[in-house]
Amino acid sequence: MNWYAIVKRYYDMGIYKIDPADPMYVGQFVQLGKITEEQYKEITNIDFEA
């Protein structure tokens, strides 16, 4: 499964968010090991902070 493509598509559609308090936080996928910190930055244009 290409998690990067899925997360990016949902982020671009406005479903996944950059707010860590939001249950649809993109960073959850970094924490779960589905995407890398570099991929998080490519998707959001923001550095990942654990």
Protein backbone atom coordinates (compact mmCIF):
# COMPACT_ATOMS: atom_id res chain seq x y z
CA MET A 1 0.00 0.00 0.00
CA ASN A 2 1.34 3.44 -0.92
CA TRP A 3 0.62 5.36 2.28
CA TYR A 4 2.34 8.50 1.00
CA ALA A 5 -0.01 8.80 -2.00
CA ILE A 6 -3.08 8.12 0.12
CA VAL A 7 -2.16 10.59 2.87
CA LYS A 8 -1.20 13.27 0.33
CA ARG A 9 -4.47 12.87 -1.57
CA TYR A 10 -6.56 13.15 1.60
CA TYR A 11 -4.49 16.10 2.84
CA ASP A 12 -4.92 17.88 -0.51
CA MET A 13 -8.68 17.28 -0.27
CA GLY A 14 -8.68 18.90 3.20
CA ILE A 15 -9.56 15.74 5.11
CA TYR A 16 -6.25 15.30 6.96
CA LYS A 17 -5.02 18.27 9.00
CA ILE A 18 -1.74 19.67 10.37
CA ASP A 19 -3.14 20.40 13.85
CA PRO A 20 -1.83 17.76 16.30
CA ALA A 21 -5.02 18.14 18.37
CA ASP A 22 -7.17 17.17 15.38
CA PRO A 23 -8.08 13.46 15.18
CA MET A 24 -7.29 13.60 11.43
CA TYR A 25 -3.68 14.76 12.07
CA VAL A 26 -1.25 13.88 9.26
CA GLY A 27 1.50 13.34 11.83
CA GLN A 28 -0.24 10.21 13.09
CA PHE A 29 1.07 8.44 10.00
CA VAL A 30 4.65 9.38 10.89
CA GLN A 31 4.13 8.17 14.47
CA LEU A 32 2.75 4.87 13.16
CA GLY A 33 5.63 4.43 10.71
CA LYS A 34 3.45 4.67 7.59
CA ILE A 35 5.25 7.74 6.16
CA THR A 36 8.62 9.30 6.95
CA GLU A 37 9.29 12.72 8.45
CA GLU A 38 10.59 13.78 5.03
CA GLN A 39 7.34 12.68 3.39
CA TYR A 40 5.38 14.59 6.05
CA LYS A 41 7.31 17.73 5.07
CA GLU A 42 6.68 17.09 1.35
CA ILE A 43 2.94 16.81 2.04
CA THR A 44 2.53 19.73 4.47
CA ASN A 45 5.57 21.97 3.77
CA ILE A 46 6.15 21.98 7.54
CA ASP A 47 8.86 20.13 9.49
CA PHE A 48 7.53 17.24 11.60
CA GLU A 49 7.79 17.80 15.35
CA ALA A 50 7.23 14.79 17.58
